[in-house]
Amino acid sequence: MRRHINLRQIEAFRAVIQTGTVSRGAEMLNISQPAMSKLISHLELDSGIRLFERVKKRLVPTAHALRLHDEIERIFTGVRQVESAIDALHREERGRLVIGVLPALSGSLIQRATAMFVARNPSVFCSFHQLSSHWIVDGIIARKLDIGLINGQVDNPHVVVEPILEHSLVCIMPLGHPLAKKHKIKPADLSEVEFVNFEEHIFMSNLIDLMLEQFAIRPRVVLSATAALTVCEFVAAGFGVSLVHPAMISGLEDRLAVRPFEPAIPFKFQLGRSSDSKNATLVDAFADCMRATAADVSAAMASDF
């Protein structure tokens, strides 16, 4: 009669699959290698299933093992969702707000909005996470984040978004660049000019590439990056010119020449939140501060361009 498998055996099995070896799996669980081997051996005996082949002193998972791992991951995913729900409940009790923000907006904009929020809610603890839009949306859905600043398209019924900082892209260039003599930059001005672009999977890159294709313009792309701050830093260092949202320039104004670009390429960031947030009072309060700050920033940018 087979014994029932236990949680420790499942944890050991999962660790070996994820790390690839018994020794690294043992390190992951902070146990000895012999103890790890014993857990795996007992799991195979108790389940009556051969989970690993011994090949050159290494454990190679069988097809049954991989199927079992898929089932175990679904269980652990459910556990993580429960943990996220518990964390959300604790945040409500303690007055805690967890905010996701794009690296491009993690400068003065978020600082000003947070200063306003904390002044109005001095007992609330704020936690910030710099993440890409994809991970911010996932965090909101999983209730790991209360609110987030994102870009790109969001197509999920559990996430409510509203546009902020709607503005056209501007052309940035190193100080003293020949194009800095112009009052406005047009597509033809970028032909054969050294250009710093965003990576292909970044939403901003799609807008820029669409414009270049429309006007049949080919700048000399010298490098690309995923983060707006990195793009701006490379431009400031003299690698080329680029097109960015004006809010992305924050903190680098004295190191860059900035000119309007025509035709306009509209771009907006978005404020995202859960459609049924359990921390709605604090989320609403922070959203109010973000809207007010974004309005001030947009008004300043409008006067500059």
C-alpha atoms as a PDB file:
ATOM      1  CA  MET A   1       0.000   0.000   0.000  1.00  0.00           C
ATOM      2  CA  ARG A   2       1.470   3.331  -1.093  1.00  0.00           C
ATOM      3  CA  ARG A   3       1.882   6.152   1.396  1.00  0.00           C
ATOM      4  CA  HIS A   4       0.442   9.585   0.749  1.00  0.00           C
ATOM      5  CA  ILE A   5       2.877  12.064  -0.760  1.00  0.00           C
ATOM      6  CA  ASN A   6       3.642  15.137   1.349  1.00  0.00           C
ATOM      7  CA  LEU A   7       4.235  18.829   0.673  1.00  0.00           C
ATOM      8  CA  ARG A   8       7.964  18.641   1.330  1.00  0.00           C
ATOM      9  CA  GLN A   9       8.335  16.016  -1.410  1.00  0.00           C
ATOM     10  CA  ILE A  10       6.427  18.249  -3.823  1.00  0.00           C
ATOM     11  CA  GLU A  11       8.623  21.238  -2.937  1.00  0.00           C
ATOM     12  CA  ALA A  12      11.751  19.133  -3.516  1.00  0.00           C
ATOM     13  CA  PHE A  13      10.450  17.863  -6.869  1.00  0.00           C
ATOM     14  CA  ARG A  14       9.569  21.403  -7.984  1.00  0.00           C
ATOM     15  CA  ALA A  15      12.978  22.731  -6.932  1.00  0.00           C
ATOM     16  CA  VAL A  16      14.824  20.057  -8.929  1.00  0.00           C
ATOM     17  CA  ILE A  17      12.734  20.751 -12.046  1.00  0.00           C
ATOM     18  CA  GLN A  18      13.242  24.499 -11.764  1.00  0.00           C
ATOM     19  CA  THR A  19      16.966  24.464 -10.979  1.00  0.00           C
ATOM     20  CA  GLY A  20      17.974  21.483 -13.120  1.00  0.00           C
ATOM     21  CA  THR A  21      20.023  19.599 -10.513  1.00  0.00           C
ATOM     22  CA  VAL A  22      19.618  18.016  -7.095  1.00  0.00           C
ATOM     23  CA  SER A  23      22.432  20.130  -5.628  1.00  0.00           C
ATOM     24  CA  ARG A  24      20.960  23.468  -6.768  1.00  0.00           C
ATOM     25  CA  GLY A  25      17.503  22.307  -5.710  1.00  0.00           C
ATOM     26  CA  ALA A  26      18.882  21.505  -2.257  1.00  0.00           C
ATOM     27  CA  GLU A  27      20.388  24.998  -2.049  1.00  0.00           C
ATOM     28  CA  MET A  28      17.030  26.476  -3.017  1.00  0.00           C
ATOM     29  CA  LEU A  29      15.317  24.658  -0.124  1.00  0.00           C
ATOM     30  CA  ASN A  30      18.298  25.114   2.204  1.00  0.00           C
ATOM     31  CA  ILE A  31      18.714  21.394   2.860  1.00  0.00           C
ATOM     32  CA  SER A  32      21.544  18.909   2.236  1.00  0.00           C
ATOM     33  CA  GLN A  33      21.935  17.107  -1.081  1.00  0.00           C
ATOM     34  CA  PRO A  34      21.420  13.626   0.522  1.00  0.00           C
ATOM     35  CA  ALA A  35      18.191  14.877   2.126  1.00  0.00           C
ATOM     36  CA  MET A  36      17.048  16.201  -1.270  1.00  0.00           C
ATOM     37  CA  SER A  37      17.807  12.885  -2.983  1.00  0.00           C
ATOM     38  CA  LYS A  38      15.891  11.058  -0.274  1.00  0.00           C
ATOM     39  CA  LEU A  39      12.811  13.255  -0.767  1.00  0.00           C
ATOM     40  CA  ILE A  40      12.849  12.646  -4.536  1.00  0.00           C
ATOM     41  CA  SER A  41      13.316   8.900  -4.045  1.00  0.00           C
ATOM     42  CA  HIS A  42      10.419   8.720  -1.574  1.00  0.00           C
ATOM     43  CA  LEU A  43       8.196  10.749  -3.920  1.00  0.00           C
ATOM     44  CA  GLU A  44       8.791   8.266  -6.732  1.00  0.00           C
ATOM     45  CA  LEU A  45       8.148   5.344  -4.351  1.00  0.00           C
ATOM     46  CA  ASP A  46       5.017   6.847  -2.802  1.00  0.00           C
ATOM     47  CA  SER A  47       3.540   7.974  -6.129  1.00  0.00           C
ATOM     48  CA  GLY A  48       4.447   4.795  -8.001  1.00  0.00           C
ATOM     49  CA  ILE A  49       5.644   6.918 -10.935  1.00  0.00           C
ATOM     50  CA  ARG A  50       9.141   7.113 -12.341  1.00  0.00           C
ATOM     51  CA  LEU A  51       9.808  10.838 -12.403  1.00  0.00           C
ATOM     52  CA  PHE A  52      13.498  10.979 -13.328  1.00  0.00           C
ATOM     53  CA  GLU A  53      15.935   9.027 -15.462  1.00  0.00           C
ATOM     54  CA  ARG A  54      19.471   8.749 -14.128  1.00  0.00           C
ATOM     55  CA  VAL A  55      21.720   9.843 -17.012  1.00  0.00           C
ATOM     56  CA  LYS A  56      25.440  10.314 -16.311  1.00  0.00           C
ATOM     57  CA  LYS A  57      24.789  10.966 -12.616  1.00  0.00           C
ATOM     58  CA  ARG A  58      22.154  13.580 -13.431  1.00  0.00           C
ATOM     59  CA  LEU A  59      18.385  13.463 -13.017  1.00  0.00           C
ATOM     60  CA  VAL A  60      16.519  13.978 -16.286  1.00  0.00           C
ATOM     61  CA  PRO A  61      12.739  14.516 -15.862  1.00  0.00           C
ATOM     62  CA  THR A  62      10.452  12.056 -17.616  1.00  0.00           C
ATOM     63  CA  ALA A  63       7.355  13.057 -19.566  1.00  0.00           C
ATOM     64  CA  HIS A  64       5.265  12.143 -16.511  1.00  0.00           C
ATOM     65  CA  ALA A  65       7.420  14.452 -14.388  1.00  0.00           C
ATOM     66  CA  LEU A  66       6.878  17.416 -16.716  1.00  0.00           C
ATOM     67  CA  ARG A  67       3.103  16.857 -16.708  1.00  0.00           C
ATOM     68  CA  LEU A  68       3.107  16.640 -12.925  1.00  0.00           C
ATOM     69  CA  HIS A  69       5.148  19.844 -12.713  1.00  0.00           C
ATOM     70  CA  ASP A  70       2.545  21.682 -14.799  1.00  0.00           C
ATOM     71  CA  GLU A  71      -0.166  20.635 -12.341  1.00  0.00           C
ATOM     72  CA  ILE A  72       1.953  21.645  -9.350  1.00  0.00           C
ATOM     73  CA  GLU A  73       2.624  25.079 -10.871  1.00  0.00           C
ATOM     74  CA  ARG A  74      -1.099  25.671 -11.222  1.00  0.00           C
ATOM     75  CA  ILE A  75      -1.493  24.933  -7.512  1.00  0.00           C
ATOM     76  CA  PHE A  76       1.364  27.235  -6.544  1.00  0.00           C
ATOM     77  CA  THR A  77      -0.089  29.972  -8.760  1.00  0.00           C
ATOM     78  CA  GLY A  78      -3.330  29.681  -6.810  1.00  0.00           C
ATOM     79  CA  VAL A  79      -1.406  29.937  -3.546  1.00  0.00           C
ATOM     80  CA  ARG A  80       0.348  33.090  -4.770  1.00  0.00           C
ATOM     81  CA  GLN A  81      -3.022  34.606  -5.680  1.00  0.00           C
ATOM     82  CA  VAL A  82      -4.273  33.919  -2.163  1.00  0.00           C
ATOM     83  CA  GLU A  83      -1.127  35.539  -0.742  1.00  0.00           C
ATOM     84  CA  SER A  84      -1.726  38.594  -2.946  1.00  0.00           C
ATOM     85  CA  ALA A  85      -5.312  38.841  -1.706  1.00  0.00           C
ATOM     86  CA  ILE A  86      -4.110  38.644   1.912  1.00  0.00           C
ATOM     87  CA  ASP A  87      -1.515  41.337   1.220  1.00  0.00           C
ATOM     88  CA  ALA A  88      -4.236  43.544  -0.289  1.00  0.00           C
ATOM     89  CA  LEU A  89      -6.333  43.122   2.881  1.00  0.00           C
ATOM     90  CA  HIS A  90      -3.371  44.107   5.047  1.00  0.00           C
ATOM     91  CA  ARG A  91      -2.784  47.192   2.902  1.00  0.00           C
ATOM     92  CA  GLU A  92      -6.354  48.294   3.517  1.00  0.00           C
ATOM     93  CA  GLU A  93      -5.926  47.898   7.270  1.00  0.00           C
ATOM     94  CA  ARG A  94      -2.558  49.633   7.517  1.00  0.00           C
ATOM     95  CA  GLY A  95      -3.177  52.452   5.044  1.00  0.00           C
ATOM     96  CA  ARG A  96      -0.628  51.335   2.483  1.00  0.00           C
ATOM     97  CA  LEU A  97      -0.535  52.135  -1.228  1.00  0.00           C
ATOM     98  CA  VAL A  98       1.542  50.144  -3.716  1.00  0.00           C
ATOM     99  CA  ILE A  99       2.233  52.016  -6.953  1.00  0.00           C
ATOM    100  CA  GLY A 100       3.748  50.812 -10.218  1.00  0.00           C
ATOM    101  CA  VAL A 101       5.525  53.369 -12.360  1.00  0.00           C
ATOM    102  CA  LEU A 102       7.355  53.325 -15.660  1.00  0.00           C
ATOM    103  CA  PRO A 103      11.050  54.207 -15.323  1.00  0.00           C
ATOM    104  CA  ALA A 104      10.402  57.109 -17.721  1.00  0.00           C
ATOM    105  CA  LEU A 105       8.027  58.699 -15.176  1.00  0.00           C
ATOM    106  CA  SER A 106       9.887  57.820 -11.996  1.00  0.00           C
ATOM    107  CA  GLY A 107      11.466  61.271 -11.687  1.00  0.00           C
ATOM    108  CA  SER A 108       9.977  64.610 -10.722  1.00  0.00           C
ATOM    109  CA  LEU A 109       6.426  63.820 -11.913  1.00  0.00           C
ATOM    110  CA  ILE A 110       5.816  60.942  -9.502  1.00  0.00           C
ATOM    111  CA  GLN A 111       7.725  62.755  -6.747  1.00  0.00           C
ATOM    112  CA  ARG A 112       5.539  65.846  -7.016  1.00  0.00           C
ATOM    113  CA  ALA A 113       2.315  63.813  -7.066  1.00  0.00           C
ATOM    114  CA  THR A 114       3.467  61.751  -4.081  1.00  0.00           C
ATOM    115  CA  ALA A 115       4.450  64.850  -2.107  1.00  0.00           C
ATOM    116  CA  MET A 116       0.929  66.205  -2.604  1.00  0.00           C
ATOM    117  CA  PHE A 117      -0.622  62.857  -1.644  1.00  0.00           C
ATOM    118  CA  VAL A 118       1.499  62.418   1.507  1.00  0.00           C
ATOM    119  CA  ALA A 119       0.777  65.990   2.602  1.00  0.00           C
ATOM    120  CA  ARG A 120      -2.929  65.159   2.447  1.00  0.00           C
ATOM    121  CA  ASN A 121      -2.534  61.619   3.853  1.00  0.00           C
ATOM    122  CA  PRO A 122       0.445  61.721   6.241  1.00  0.00           C
ATOM    123  CA  SER A 123      -0.286  58.317   7.847  1.00  0.00           C
ATOM    124  CA  VAL A 124      -0.260  56.365   4.565  1.00  0.00           C
ATOM    125  CA  PHE A 125       2.840  54.365   3.612  1.00  0.00           C
ATOM    126  CA  CYS A 126       3.675  54.415  -0.124  1.00  0.00           C
ATOM    127  CA  SER A 127       5.663  51.713  -1.901  1.00  0.00           C
ATOM    128  CA  PHE A 128       6.915  52.256  -5.479  1.00  0.00           C
ATOM    129  CA  HIS A 129       7.918  49.643  -8.046  1.00  0.00           C
ATOM    130  CA  GLN A 130       9.622  50.629 -11.319  1.00  0.00           C
ATOM    131  CA  LEU A 131       8.296  48.198 -13.925  1.00  0.00           C
ATOM    132  CA  SER A 132       7.384  47.948 -17.598  1.00  0.00           C
ATOM    133  CA  SER A 133       3.751  48.507 -18.577  1.00  0.00           C
ATOM    134  CA  HIS A 134       3.160  44.777 -19.026  1.00  0.00           C
ATOM    135  CA  TRP A 135       4.256  43.967 -15.488  1.00  0.00           C
ATOM    136  CA  ILE A 136       2.341  46.894 -14.016  1.00  0.00           C
ATOM    137  CA  VAL A 137      -0.885  45.685 -15.635  1.00  0.00           C
ATOM    138  CA  ASP A 138      -0.234  42.138 -14.410  1.00  0.00           C
ATOM    139  CA  GLY A 139       0.439  43.508 -10.928  1.00  0.00           C
ATOM    140  CA  ILE A 140      -2.857  45.406 -10.894  1.00  0.00           C
ATOM    141  CA  ILE A 141      -4.767  42.322 -12.029  1.00  0.00           C
ATOM    142  CA  ALA A 142      -3.083  40.167  -9.361  1.00  0.00           C
ATOM    143  CA  ARG A 143      -3.734  42.874  -6.718  1.00  0.00           C
ATOM    144  CA  LYS A 144      -0.028  43.259  -6.053  1.00  0.00           C
ATOM    145  CA  LEU A 145      -0.274  46.894  -7.186  1.00  0.00           C
ATOM    146  CA  ASP A 146      -3.033  49.355  -6.323  1.00  0.00           C
ATOM    147  CA  ILE A 147      -2.421  51.806  -9.153  1.00  0.00           C
ATOM    148  CA  GLY A 148       0.098  52.307 -11.938  1.00  0.00           C
ATOM    149  CA  LEU A 149       1.418  54.680 -14.586  1.00  0.00           C
ATOM    150  CA  ILE A 150       1.649  52.901 -17.933  1.00  0.00           C
ATOM    151  CA  ASN A 151       1.768  53.435 -21.687  1.00  0.00           C
ATOM    152  CA  GLY A 152       0.580  51.485 -24.704  1.00  0.00           C
ATOM    153  CA  GLN A 153      -2.724  49.704 -25.140  1.00  0.00           C
ATOM    154  CA  VAL A 154      -4.508  47.910 -22.290  1.00  0.00           C
ATOM    155  CA  ASP A 155      -7.212  45.415 -23.223  1.00  0.00           C
ATOM    156  CA  ASN A 156      -8.360  43.854 -19.975  1.00  0.00           C
ATOM    157  CA  PRO A 157     -11.790  44.308 -18.380  1.00  0.00           C
ATOM    158  CA  HIS A 158     -10.270  44.189 -14.884  1.00  0.00           C
ATOM    159  CA  VAL A 159      -8.081  47.266 -15.470  1.00  0.00           C
ATOM    160  CA  VAL A 160      -9.550  50.758 -15.792  1.00  0.00           C
ATOM    161  CA  VAL A 161      -7.331  53.334 -17.498  1.00  0.00           C
ATOM    162  CA  GLU A 162      -7.522  57.068 -18.046  1.00  0.00           C
ATOM    163  CA  PRO A 163      -5.141  59.159 -20.189  1.00  0.00           C
ATOM    164  CA  ILE A 164      -2.755  61.654 -18.653  1.00  0.00           C
ATOM    165  CA  LEU A 165       0.086  63.744 -20.081  1.00  0.00           C
ATOM    166  CA  GLU A 166      -1.252  63.727 -23.639  1.00  0.00           C
ATOM    167  CA  HIS A 167       1.400  65.455 -25.726  1.00  0.00           C
ATOM    168  CA  SER A 168       3.154  65.188 -29.073  1.00  0.00           C
ATOM    169  CA  LEU A 169       6.645  63.742 -29.321  1.00  0.00           C
ATOM    170  CA  VAL A 170       9.559  66.170 -29.501  1.00  0.00           C
ATOM    171  CA  CYS A 171      12.953  65.800 -31.112  1.00  0.00           C
ATOM    172  CA  ILE A 172      15.892  65.704 -28.713  1.00  0.00           C
ATOM    173  CA  MET A 173      19.523  66.098 -29.713  1.00  0.00           C
ATOM    174  CA  PRO A 174      22.913  66.780 -28.146  1.00  0.00           C
ATOM    175  CA  LEU A 175      23.710  70.400 -27.347  1.00  0.00           C
ATOM    176  CA  GLY A 176      25.333  71.988 -30.393  1.00  0.00           C
ATOM    177  CA  HIS A 177      23.885  69.476 -32.861  1.00  0.00           C
ATOM    178  CA  PRO A 178      23.376  70.937 -36.387  1.00  0.00           C
ATOM    179  CA  LEU A 179      19.601  70.354 -36.169  1.00  0.00           C
ATOM    180  CA  ALA A 180      19.465  72.569 -33.073  1.00  0.00           C
ATOM    181  CA  LYS A 181      19.649  75.573 -35.431  1.00  0.00           C
ATOM    182  CA  LYS A 182      16.133  74.754 -36.650  1.00  0.00           C
ATOM    183  CA  HIS A 183      12.992  75.915 -34.816  1.00  0.00           C
ATOM    184  CA  LYS A 184      11.047  72.798 -35.836  1.00  0.00           C
ATOM    185  CA  ILE A 185      12.179  69.369 -36.973  1.00  0.00           C
ATOM    186  CA  LYS A 186      10.487  67.558 -39.860  1.00  0.00           C
ATOM    187  CA  PRO A 187      10.838  63.957 -41.096  1.00  0.00           C
ATOM    188  CA  ALA A 188      13.157  64.937 -43.943  1.00  0.00           C
ATOM    189  CA  ASP A 189      15.586  66.431 -41.393  1.00  0.00           C
ATOM    190  CA  LEU A 190      16.155  62.928 -39.982  1.00  0.00           C
ATOM    191  CA  SER A 191      17.283  61.367 -43.260  1.00  0.00           C
ATOM    192  CA  GLU A 192      20.705  59.700 -42.796  1.00  0.00           C
ATOM    193  CA  VAL A 193      21.038  61.351 -39.375  1.00  0.00           C
ATOM    194  CA  GLU A 194      22.395  59.235 -36.526  1.00  0.00           C
ATOM    195  CA  PHE A 195      19.356  58.150 -34.528  1.00  0.00           C
ATOM    196  CA  VAL A 196      18.783  56.501 -31.132  1.00  0.00           C
ATOM    197  CA  ASN A 197      15.592  54.430 -31.216  1.00  0.00           C
ATOM    198  CA  PHE A 198      13.558  52.336 -28.829  1.00  0.00           C
ATOM    199  CA  GLU A 199      13.566  48.533 -29.049  1.00  0.00           C
ATOM    200  CA  GLU A 200      11.065  47.082 -31.512  1.00  0.00           C
ATOM    201  CA  HIS A 201       8.677  45.740 -28.849  1.00  0.00           C
ATOM    202  CA  ILE A 202       8.371  49.150 -27.172  1.00  0.00           C
ATOM    203  CA  PHE A 203       5.152  51.018 -28.061  1.00  0.00           C
ATOM    204  CA  MET A 204       7.037  54.264 -28.688  1.00  0.00           C
ATOM    205  CA  SER A 205       9.132  52.520 -31.346  1.00  0.00           C
ATOM    206  CA  ASN A 206       5.998  51.492 -33.240  1.00  0.00           C
ATOM    207  CA  LEU A 207       4.849  55.116 -33.494  1.00  0.00           C
ATOM    208  CA  ILE A 208       8.257  56.338 -34.656  1.00  0.00           C
ATOM    209  CA  ASP A 209       8.727  53.554 -37.203  1.00  0.00           C
ATOM    210  CA  LEU A 210       5.246  54.146 -38.624  1.00  0.00           C
ATOM    211  CA  MET A 211       6.056  57.829 -39.198  1.00  0.00           C
ATOM    212  CA  LEU A 212       9.424  57.024 -40.802  1.00  0.00           C
ATOM    213  CA  GLU A 213       7.793  54.484 -43.102  1.00  0.00           C
ATOM    214  CA  GLN A 214       5.031  56.922 -44.041  1.00  0.00           C
ATOM    215  CA  PHE A 215       7.552  59.534 -45.158  1.00  0.00           C
ATOM    216  CA  ALA A 216      10.035  56.998 -46.553  1.00  0.00           C
ATOM    217  CA  ILE A 217      12.766  58.350 -44.284  1.00  0.00           C
ATOM    218  CA  ARG A 218      15.700  56.275 -43.101  1.00  0.00           C
ATOM    219  CA  PRO A 219      17.829  57.688 -40.330  1.00  0.00           C
ATOM    220  CA  ARG A 220      20.999  55.832 -39.343  1.00  0.00           C
ATOM    221  CA  VAL A 221      19.922  53.960 -36.224  1.00  0.00           C
ATOM    222  CA  VAL A 222      23.118  53.610 -34.204  1.00  0.00           C
ATOM    223  CA  LEU A 223      21.618  51.884 -31.160  1.00  0.00           C
ATOM    224  CA  SER A 224      18.334  51.132 -29.415  1.00  0.00           C
ATOM    225  CA  ALA A 225      17.173  50.800 -25.824  1.00  0.00           C
ATOM    226  CA  THR A 226      14.108  49.775 -23.859  1.00  0.00           C
ATOM    227  CA  ALA A 227      14.046  52.637 -21.345  1.00  0.00           C
ATOM    228  CA  ALA A 228      13.390  56.286 -22.160  1.00  0.00           C
ATOM    229  CA  LEU A 229      16.014  57.464 -19.681  1.00  0.00           C
ATOM    230  CA  THR A 230      18.633  55.347 -21.456  1.00  0.00           C
ATOM    231  CA  VAL A 231      17.638  56.794 -24.831  1.00  0.00           C
ATOM    232  CA  CYS A 232      17.881  60.335 -23.464  1.00  0.00           C
ATOM    233  CA  GLU A 233      21.250  59.672 -21.837  1.00  0.00           C
ATOM    234  CA  PHE A 234      22.712  58.315 -25.087  1.00  0.00           C
ATOM    235  CA  VAL A 235      21.399  61.331 -26.997  1.00  0.00           C
ATOM    236  CA  ALA A 236      22.879  63.699 -24.406  1.00  0.00           C
ATOM    237  CA  ALA A 237      26.191  61.845 -24.750  1.00  0.00           C
ATOM    238  CA  GLY A 238      26.281  62.606 -28.491  1.00  0.00           C
ATOM    239  CA  PHE A 239      25.231  59.289 -30.036  1.00  0.00           C
ATOM    240  CA  GLY A 240      22.471  60.816 -32.151  1.00  0.00           C
ATOM    241  CA  VAL A 241      18.988  62.323 -32.034  1.00  0.00           C
ATOM    242  CA  SER A 242      15.662  60.775 -31.031  1.00  0.00           C
ATOM    243  CA  LEU A 243      11.937  61.355 -30.611  1.00  0.00           C
ATOM    244  CA  VAL A 244      10.458  61.175 -27.115  1.00  0.00           C
ATOM    245  CA  HIS A 245       7.555  62.382 -25.009  1.00  0.00           C
ATOM    246  CA  PRO A 246       8.511  65.669 -23.279  1.00  0.00           C
ATOM    247  CA  ALA A 247       7.926  64.168 -19.815  1.00  0.00           C
ATOM    248  CA  MET A 248      10.750  61.712 -20.464  1.00  0.00           C
ATOM    249  CA  ILE A 249      13.298  64.547 -20.536  1.00  0.00           C
ATOM    250  CA  SER A 250      12.822  65.399 -16.867  1.00  0.00           C
ATOM    251  CA  GLY A 251      16.177  66.059 -15.198  1.00  0.00           C
ATOM    252  CA  LEU A 252      18.113  66.268 -18.483  1.00  0.00           C
ATOM    253  CA  GLU A 253      16.862  69.636 -19.736  1.00  0.00           C
ATOM    254  CA  ASP A 254      20.276  71.299 -19.410  1.00  0.00           C
ATOM    255  CA  ARG A 255      22.023  68.527 -21.379  1.00  0.00           C
ATOM    256  CA  LEU A 256      19.688  68.302 -24.364  1.00  0.00           C
ATOM    257  CA  ALA A 257      18.461  70.534 -27.161  1.00  0.00           C
ATOM    258  CA  VAL A 258      14.714  70.043 -27.605  1.00  0.00           C
ATOM    259  CA  ARG A 259      12.682  71.039 -30.672  1.00  0.00           C
ATOM    260  CA  PRO A 260       9.034  70.501 -31.711  1.00  0.00           C
ATOM    261  CA  PHE A 261       8.467  67.824 -34.343  1.00  0.00           C
ATOM    262  CA  GLU A 262       6.010  68.074 -37.239  1.00  0.00           C
ATOM    263  CA  PRO A 263       3.763  66.415 -38.189  1.00  0.00           C
ATOM    264  CA  ALA A 264       2.626  65.808 -34.640  1.00  0.00           C
ATOM    265  CA  ILE A 265       2.938  62.293 -33.219  1.00  0.00           C
ATOM    266  CA  PRO A 266       0.475  62.228 -30.277  1.00  0.00           C
ATOM    267  CA  PHE A 267       1.427  60.097 -27.305  1.00  0.00           C
ATOM    268  CA  LYS A 268      -0.207  59.619 -23.930  1.00  0.00           C
ATOM    269  CA  PHE A 269       0.546  57.886 -20.676  1.00  0.00           C
ATOM    270  CA  GLN A 270      -2.230  56.256 -18.708  1.00  0.00           C
ATOM    271  CA  LEU A 271      -3.241  55.877 -15.100  1.00  0.00           C
ATOM    272  CA  GLY A 272      -4.339  52.292 -14.510  1.00  0.00           C
ATOM    273  CA  ARG A 273      -6.219  50.745 -11.590  1.00  0.00           C
ATOM    274  CA  SER A 274      -8.303  47.693 -10.784  1.00  0.00           C
ATOM    275  CA  SER A 275     -11.966  47.865 -11.772  1.00  0.00           C
ATOM    276  CA  ASP A 276     -12.943  46.619  -8.295  1.00  0.00           C
ATOM    277  CA  SER A 277     -10.147  47.875  -6.069  1.00  0.00           C
ATOM    278  CA  LYS A 278     -10.605  47.095  -2.368  1.00  0.00           C
ATOM    279  CA  ASN A 279      -8.300  50.035  -1.591  1.00  0.00           C
ATOM    280  CA  ALA A 280     -10.457  52.448  -3.565  1.00  0.00           C
ATOM    281  CA  THR A 281     -10.371  55.395  -1.132  1.00  0.00           C
ATOM    282  CA  LEU A 282      -6.582  55.705  -1.193  1.00  0.00           C
ATOM    283  CA  VAL A 283      -6.427  54.921  -4.915  1.00  0.00           C
ATOM    284  CA  ASP A 284      -8.902  57.725  -5.626  1.00  0.00           C
ATOM    285  CA  ALA A 285      -6.902  60.126  -3.473  1.00  0.00           C
ATOM    286  CA  PHE A 286      -3.629  59.299  -5.222  1.00  0.00           C
ATOM    287  CA  ALA A 287      -5.294  59.510  -8.647  1.00  0.00           C
ATOM    288  CA  ASP A 288      -6.517  63.046  -7.800  1.00  0.00           C
ATOM    289  CA  CYS A 289      -2.954  64.101  -6.944  1.00  0.00           C
ATOM    290  CA  MET A 290      -1.596  62.519 -10.115  1.00  0.00           C
ATOM    291  CA  ARG A 291      -4.194  64.282 -12.275  1.00  0.00           C
ATOM    292  CA  ALA A 292      -3.403  67.654 -10.690  1.00  0.00           C
ATOM    293  CA  THR A 293       0.352  67.176 -11.096  1.00  0.00           C
ATOM    294  CA  ALA A 294      -0.002  65.934 -14.676  1.00  0.00           C
ATOM    295  CA  ALA A 295      -2.154  68.973 -15.528  1.00  0.00           C
ATOM    296  CA  ASP A 296       0.529  71.318 -14.177  1.00  0.00           C
ATOM    297  CA  VAL A 297       3.273  69.485 -16.084  1.00  0.00           C
ATOM    298  CA  SER A 298       1.237  69.472 -19.298  1.00  0.00           C
ATOM    299  CA  ALA A 299       0.579  73.207 -18.992  1.00  0.00           C
ATOM    300  CA  ALA A 300       4.306  73.859 -18.553  1.00  0.00           C
ATOM    301  CA  MET A 301       5.152  71.703 -21.568  1.00  0.00           C
ATOM    302  CA  ALA A 302       2.524  73.445 -23.681  1.00  0.00           C
ATOM    303  CA  SER A 303       4.129  76.807 -22.924  1.00  0.00           C
ATOM    304  CA  ASP A 304       7.562  75.444 -23.871  1.00  0.00           C
ATOM    305  CA  PHE A 305       6.468  74.046 -27.200  1.00  0.00           C
END
